[in-house]
């Protein structure tokens, strides 16, 4: 069982920046962020695994995901924020399961609000 603790959300004006952090309590092979706006589905923001990154189309070039050397804390640098980035951001982590399976873990979510 892995616990995820997130921090760093808040209110920012359009064009501003925020940095989210997520710390895992155990060893994981992938970490990332997803977001969910009211009435919408949860969408990919960014993931990192084996130093390979993947971004949702709407954040490419503006957001950067990184991970510390211990591979237990992931960071999401969010620049040039837009009102449409407003959502609850959820940290995600994966651990290997038996065979080719894996387990998904989620953080409690942190609110990011971008004012226009």
N, C-alpha and C. Protein backbone atom coordinates (compact mmCIF):
# COMPACT_ATOMS: atom_id res chain seq x y z
N UNK A 1 0.85 -1.19 0.00
CA UNK A 1 0.00 0.00 0.00
C UNK A 1 0.88 1.24 0.00
N UNK A 2 0.58 2.17 -0.87
CA UNK A 2 1.34 3.41 -0.99
C UNK A 2 0.44 4.58 -0.66
N UNK A 3 0.90 5.47 0.16
CA UNK A 3 0.19 6.71 0.46
C UNK A 3 0.82 7.83 -0.34
N UNK A 4 -0.01 8.71 -0.84
CA UNK A 4 0.46 9.87 -1.60
C UNK A 4 0.03 11.14 -0.89
N UNK A 5 0.96 12.05 -0.70
CA UNK A 5 0.66 13.33 -0.06
C UNK A 5 0.99 14.45 -1.03
N UNK A 6 -0.01 15.24 -1.34
CA UNK A 6 0.14 16.32 -2.30
C UNK A 6 0.21 17.67 -1.59
N UNK A 7 0.82 18.62 -2.25
CA UNK A 7 0.82 19.99 -1.76
C UNK A 7 1.05 20.94 -2.92
N UNK A 8 0.71 22.21 -2.69
CA UNK A 8 1.08 23.24 -3.65
C UNK A 8 -0.03 23.87 -4.45
N UNK A 9 -1.25 23.43 -4.29
CA UNK A 9 -2.32 24.06 -5.06
C UNK A 9 -2.63 25.44 -4.53
N UNK A 10 -3.56 26.12 -5.19
CA UNK A 10 -3.95 27.45 -4.73
C UNK A 10 -4.58 28.26 -5.83
N UNK A 11 -4.65 29.56 -5.56
CA UNK A 11 -5.28 30.52 -6.48
C UNK A 11 -4.18 31.35 -7.13
N UNK A 12 -4.27 31.49 -8.45
CA UNK A 12 -3.28 32.27 -9.18
C UNK A 12 -3.97 32.99 -10.32
N UNK A 13 -3.40 34.08 -10.76
CA UNK A 13 -3.98 34.82 -11.88
C UNK A 13 -3.53 34.20 -13.21
N UNK A 14 -4.27 34.51 -14.24
CA UNK A 14 -3.91 34.06 -15.59
C UNK A 14 -2.48 34.49 -15.92
N UNK A 15 -1.72 33.53 -16.46
CA UNK A 15 -0.33 33.80 -16.79
C UNK A 15 0.64 33.49 -15.67
N UNK A 16 0.12 33.20 -14.50
CA UNK A 16 0.96 32.91 -13.35
C UNK A 16 1.47 31.48 -13.34
N UNK A 17 2.16 31.16 -12.25
CA UNK A 17 2.77 29.84 -12.11
C UNK A 17 2.46 29.24 -10.75
N UNK A 18 2.44 27.92 -10.72
CA UNK A 18 2.30 27.17 -9.48
C UNK A 18 3.16 25.92 -9.58
N UNK A 19 3.52 25.40 -8.42
CA UNK A 19 4.29 24.15 -8.38
C UNK A 19 3.59 23.18 -7.43
N UNK A 20 3.27 22.01 -7.96
CA UNK A 20 2.67 20.97 -7.14
C UNK A 20 3.74 19.93 -6.79
N UNK A 21 3.58 19.34 -5.60
CA UNK A 21 4.47 18.28 -5.16
C UNK A 21 3.64 17.08 -4.73
N UNK A 22 4.19 15.91 -4.90
CA UNK A 22 3.53 14.69 -4.46
C UNK A 22 4.60 13.73 -3.97
N UNK A 23 4.46 13.28 -2.74
CA UNK A 23 5.41 12.36 -2.15
C UNK A 23 4.75 11.02 -1.89
N UNK A 24 5.41 9.98 -2.37
CA UNK A 24 4.93 8.61 -2.18
C UNK A 24 5.61 7.98 -0.97
N UNK A 25 4.85 7.16 -0.24
CA UNK A 25 5.39 6.54 0.98
C UNK A 25 6.20 5.29 0.69
N UNK A 26 6.16 4.81 -0.54
CA UNK A 26 6.89 3.61 -0.90
C UNK A 26 7.42 3.70 -2.31
N UNK A 27 8.01 2.59 -2.73
CA UNK A 27 8.63 2.56 -4.05
C UNK A 27 7.56 2.44 -5.13
N UNK A 28 7.68 3.28 -6.15
CA UNK A 28 6.74 3.27 -7.27
C UNK A 28 7.53 3.28 -8.56
N UNK A 29 6.92 2.88 -9.67
CA UNK A 29 7.63 2.92 -10.95
C UNK A 29 7.12 4.04 -11.85
N UNK A 30 6.04 4.65 -11.48
CA UNK A 30 5.50 5.75 -12.28
C UNK A 30 4.78 6.72 -11.36
N UNK A 31 4.92 7.99 -11.65
CA UNK A 31 4.16 9.01 -10.93
C UNK A 31 3.61 9.99 -11.95
N UNK A 32 2.54 10.63 -11.58
CA UNK A 32 1.96 11.58 -12.51
C UNK A 32 0.85 12.39 -11.90
N UNK A 33 0.27 13.22 -12.74
CA UNK A 33 -0.82 14.08 -12.32
C UNK A 33 -1.97 13.97 -13.31
N UNK A 34 -3.16 13.93 -12.78
CA UNK A 34 -4.39 14.01 -13.56
C UNK A 34 -5.21 15.13 -12.96
N UNK A 35 -6.15 15.65 -13.73
CA UNK A 35 -7.00 16.72 -13.21
C UNK A 35 -8.44 16.50 -13.61
N UNK A 36 -9.31 17.05 -12.78
CA UNK A 36 -10.75 16.91 -13.02
C UNK A 36 -11.43 18.21 -12.70
N UNK A 37 -12.05 18.79 -13.71
CA UNK A 37 -12.86 19.99 -13.53
C UNK A 37 -14.29 19.59 -13.25
N UNK A 38 -15.08 20.46 -12.64
CA UNK A 38 -16.47 20.11 -12.31
C UNK A 38 -17.25 19.66 -13.54
N UNK A 39 -17.91 18.53 -13.43
CA UNK A 39 -18.73 18.03 -14.52
C UNK A 39 -17.96 17.39 -15.66
N UNK A 40 -16.64 17.25 -15.49
CA UNK A 40 -15.84 16.67 -16.56
C UNK A 40 -15.12 15.41 -16.07
N UNK A 41 -14.59 14.67 -17.01
CA UNK A 41 -13.86 13.45 -16.65
C UNK A 41 -12.46 13.81 -16.18
N UNK A 42 -11.83 12.85 -15.52
CA UNK A 42 -10.45 13.04 -15.08
C UNK A 42 -9.51 12.83 -16.27
N UNK A 43 -8.67 13.82 -16.53
CA UNK A 43 -7.79 13.79 -17.69
C UNK A 43 -6.33 13.76 -17.30
N UNK A 44 -5.54 13.21 -18.18
CA UNK A 44 -4.09 13.18 -18.00
C UNK A 44 -3.52 14.59 -18.04
N UNK A 45 -2.62 14.88 -17.10
CA UNK A 45 -1.83 16.11 -17.17
C UNK A 45 -0.41 15.74 -17.58
N UNK A 46 0.24 14.89 -16.77
CA UNK A 46 1.61 14.51 -17.07
C UNK A 46 1.98 13.28 -16.25
N UNK A 47 2.84 12.45 -16.82
CA UNK A 47 3.37 11.31 -16.10
C UNK A 47 4.87 11.22 -16.33
N UNK A 48 5.55 10.55 -15.41
CA UNK A 48 6.98 10.30 -15.55
C UNK A 48 7.28 8.90 -15.06
N UNK A 49 8.05 8.18 -15.88
CA UNK A 49 8.42 6.81 -15.56
C UNK A 49 9.75 6.51 -16.22
N UNK A 50 10.72 6.04 -15.44
CA UNK A 50 12.06 5.79 -15.98
C UNK A 50 12.58 7.02 -16.72
N UNK A 51 12.29 8.19 -16.17
CA UNK A 51 12.71 9.48 -16.74
C UNK A 51 12.09 9.78 -18.09
N UNK A 52 11.11 9.01 -18.49
CA UNK A 52 10.35 9.33 -19.70
C UNK A 52 9.07 10.05 -19.28
N UNK A 53 8.79 11.14 -19.96
CA UNK A 53 7.63 11.95 -19.62
C UNK A 53 6.56 11.88 -20.70
N UNK A 54 5.34 12.12 -20.26
CA UNK A 54 4.20 12.15 -21.17
C UNK A 54 3.28 13.25 -20.71
N UNK A 55 2.79 14.06 -21.63
CA UNK A 55 1.95 15.21 -21.28
C UNK A 55 0.64 15.19 -22.04
N UNK A 56 -0.40 15.69 -21.40
CA UNK A 56 -1.63 15.94 -22.10
C UNK A 56 -1.44 17.07 -23.09
N UNK A 57 -2.16 17.02 -24.20
CA UNK A 57 -1.96 18.01 -25.27
C UNK A 57 -2.16 19.44 -24.79
N UNK A 58 -3.09 19.64 -23.89
CA UNK A 58 -3.43 21.00 -23.48
C UNK A 58 -2.37 21.66 -22.60
N UNK A 59 -1.43 20.88 -22.09
CA UNK A 59 -0.41 21.45 -21.19
C UNK A 59 0.99 21.40 -21.76
N UNK A 60 1.15 20.80 -22.92
CA UNK A 60 2.49 20.69 -23.51
C UNK A 60 3.11 22.07 -23.73
N UNK A 61 4.37 22.19 -23.33
CA UNK A 61 5.06 23.46 -23.47
C UNK A 61 4.84 24.42 -22.33
N UNK A 62 3.89 24.12 -21.45
CA UNK A 62 3.62 25.01 -20.31
C UNK A 62 3.91 24.33 -18.97
N UNK A 63 3.68 23.04 -18.90
CA UNK A 63 3.89 22.29 -17.65
C UNK A 63 5.10 21.38 -17.80
N UNK A 64 5.79 21.17 -16.68
CA UNK A 64 6.94 20.28 -16.67
C UNK A 64 6.87 19.38 -15.45
N UNK A 65 6.97 18.08 -15.67
CA UNK A 65 6.98 17.12 -14.57
C UNK A 65 8.42 16.66 -14.34
N UNK A 66 8.76 16.48 -13.08
CA UNK A 66 10.08 15.99 -12.73
C UNK A 66 9.96 15.11 -11.48
N UNK A 67 11.04 14.43 -11.16
CA UNK A 67 11.03 13.55 -10.00
C UNK A 67 12.38 13.63 -9.32
N UNK A 68 12.39 13.46 -8.00
CA UNK A 68 13.66 13.57 -7.29
C UNK A 68 14.49 12.31 -7.46
N UNK A 69 15.72 12.35 -7.00
CA UNK A 69 16.63 11.23 -7.23
C UNK A 69 16.19 9.96 -6.51
N UNK A 70 15.45 10.11 -5.42
CA UNK A 70 14.94 8.94 -4.70
C UNK A 70 13.72 8.33 -5.38
N UNK A 71 13.20 9.07 -6.34
CA UNK A 71 12.02 8.65 -7.11
C UNK A 71 10.81 8.42 -6.22
N UNK A 72 10.68 9.30 -5.22
CA UNK A 72 9.51 9.23 -4.36
C UNK A 72 8.72 10.53 -4.33
N UNK A 73 9.31 11.61 -4.83
CA UNK A 73 8.60 12.89 -4.88
C UNK A 73 8.60 13.42 -6.31
N UNK A 74 7.40 13.65 -6.80
CA UNK A 74 7.24 14.22 -8.14
C UNK A 74 6.81 15.67 -8.02
N UNK A 75 7.24 16.46 -8.98
CA UNK A 75 6.91 17.88 -9.02
C UNK A 75 6.25 18.21 -10.34
N UNK A 76 5.30 19.12 -10.29
CA UNK A 76 4.67 19.61 -11.51
C UNK A 76 4.79 21.12 -11.51
N UNK A 77 5.64 21.62 -12.39
CA UNK A 77 5.78 23.06 -12.58
C UNK A 77 4.77 23.50 -13.62
N UNK A 78 3.90 24.41 -13.24
CA UNK A 78 2.85 24.87 -14.13
C UNK A 78 3.06 26.35 -14.42
N UNK A 79 3.32 26.66 -15.67
CA UNK A 79 3.55 28.04 -16.09
C UNK A 79 2.49 28.48 -17.09
N UNK A 80 2.41 29.77 -17.29
CA UNK A 80 1.44 30.33 -18.24
C UNK A 80 0.04 29.77 -18.01
N UNK A 81 -0.37 29.78 -16.77
CA UNK A 81 -1.65 29.17 -16.42
C UNK A 81 -2.81 29.93 -17.02
N UNK A 82 -3.83 29.15 -17.37
CA UNK A 82 -5.04 29.69 -18.01
C UNK A 82 -6.24 29.33 -17.14
N UNK A 83 -7.33 30.07 -17.27
CA UNK A 83 -8.53 29.71 -16.50
C UNK A 83 -8.99 28.27 -16.75
N UNK A 84 -8.77 27.77 -17.95
CA UNK A 84 -9.19 26.39 -18.24
C UNK A 84 -8.32 25.34 -17.56
N UNK A 85 -7.25 25.76 -16.90
CA UNK A 85 -6.46 24.85 -16.10
C UNK A 85 -7.07 24.63 -14.71
N UNK A 86 -8.09 25.39 -14.40
CA UNK A 86 -8.75 25.26 -13.11
C UNK A 86 -9.36 23.87 -12.95
N UNK A 87 -8.98 23.19 -11.88
CA UNK A 87 -9.44 21.82 -11.64
C UNK A 87 -8.88 21.34 -10.31
N UNK A 88 -9.34 20.17 -9.91
CA UNK A 88 -8.68 19.46 -8.81
C UNK A 88 -7.62 18.57 -9.45
N UNK A 89 -6.41 18.70 -8.97
CA UNK A 89 -5.28 17.93 -9.50
C UNK A 89 -4.99 16.76 -8.57
N UNK A 90 -4.95 15.59 -9.16
CA UNK A 90 -4.74 14.37 -8.39
C UNK A 90 -3.38 13.76 -8.76
N UNK A 91 -2.63 13.46 -7.74
CA UNK A 91 -1.39 12.73 -7.95
C UNK A 91 -1.71 11.26 -8.14
N UNK A 92 -0.97 10.63 -9.03
CA UNK A 92 -1.14 9.20 -9.29
C UNK A 92 0.22 8.52 -9.21
N UNK A 93 0.22 7.32 -8.69
CA UNK A 93 1.44 6.52 -8.67
C UNK A 93 1.08 5.07 -8.95
N UNK A 94 2.03 4.37 -9.53
CA UNK A 94 1.80 2.97 -9.87
C UNK A 94 2.92 2.10 -9.29
N UNK A 95 2.53 0.93 -8.82
CA UNK A 95 3.49 -0.08 -8.38
C UNK A 95 3.22 -1.37 -9.15
N UNK A 96 4.26 -2.17 -9.27
CA UNK A 96 4.08 -3.44 -9.96
C UNK A 96 3.26 -4.40 -9.12
N UNK A 97 2.41 -5.14 -9.81
CA UNK A 97 1.66 -6.22 -9.20
C UNK A 97 2.15 -7.54 -9.74
N UNK A 98 1.41 -8.62 -9.49
CA UNK A 98 1.82 -9.93 -10.01
C UNK A 98 1.72 -9.99 -11.53
N UNK A 99 2.65 -10.66 -12.13
CA UNK A 99 2.65 -10.80 -13.58
C UNK A 99 2.86 -9.46 -14.25
N UNK A 100 1.99 -9.12 -15.18
CA UNK A 100 2.11 -7.86 -15.91
C UNK A 100 1.14 -6.81 -15.39
N UNK A 101 0.61 -7.04 -14.19
CA UNK A 101 -0.36 -6.08 -13.63
C UNK A 101 0.34 -4.99 -12.84
N UNK A 102 -0.42 -3.95 -12.53
CA UNK A 102 0.10 -2.91 -11.67
C UNK A 102 -1.05 -2.39 -10.82
N UNK A 103 -0.70 -1.71 -9.75
CA UNK A 103 -1.68 -1.09 -8.85
C UNK A 103 -1.63 0.41 -9.01
N UNK A 104 -2.79 1.02 -8.98
CA UNK A 104 -2.94 2.48 -9.07
C UNK A 104 -3.21 3.06 -7.70
N UNK A 105 -2.55 4.15 -7.39
CA UNK A 105 -2.80 4.87 -6.15
C UNK A 105 -3.06 6.33 -6.47
N UNK A 106 -3.92 6.94 -5.66
CA UNK A 106 -4.31 8.33 -5.89
C UNK A 106 -4.12 9.16 -4.63
N UNK A 107 -3.71 10.40 -4.85
CA UNK A 107 -3.67 11.35 -3.76
C UNK A 107 -5.04 11.91 -3.48
N UNK A 108 -5.13 12.77 -2.46
CA UNK A 108 -6.41 13.31 -2.04
C UNK A 108 -6.91 14.43 -2.95
N UNK A 109 -6.04 14.94 -3.78
CA UNK A 109 -6.41 16.01 -4.69
C UNK A 109 -6.09 17.37 -4.11
N UNK A 110 -5.67 18.27 -4.97
CA UNK A 110 -5.40 19.64 -4.55
C UNK A 110 -6.03 20.59 -5.57
N UNK A 111 -6.69 21.62 -5.08
CA UNK A 111 -7.40 22.55 -5.96
C UNK A 111 -6.44 23.56 -6.56
N UNK A 112 -6.54 23.72 -7.87
CA UNK A 112 -5.84 24.79 -8.58
C UNK A 112 -6.90 25.66 -9.24
N UNK A 113 -6.87 26.93 -8.92
CA UNK A 113 -7.83 27.88 -9.48
C UNK A 113 -7.08 29.01 -10.16
N UNK A 114 -7.39 29.23 -11.43
CA UNK A 114 -6.75 30.30 -12.20
C UNK A 114 -7.81 31.35 -12.51
N UNK A 115 -7.61 32.53 -12.00
CA UNK A 115 -8.58 33.61 -12.20
C UNK A 115 -8.24 34.38 -13.46
N UNK A 116 -9.28 34.86 -14.11
CA UNK A 116 -9.09 35.61 -15.37
C UNK A 116 -8.98 37.10 -15.10
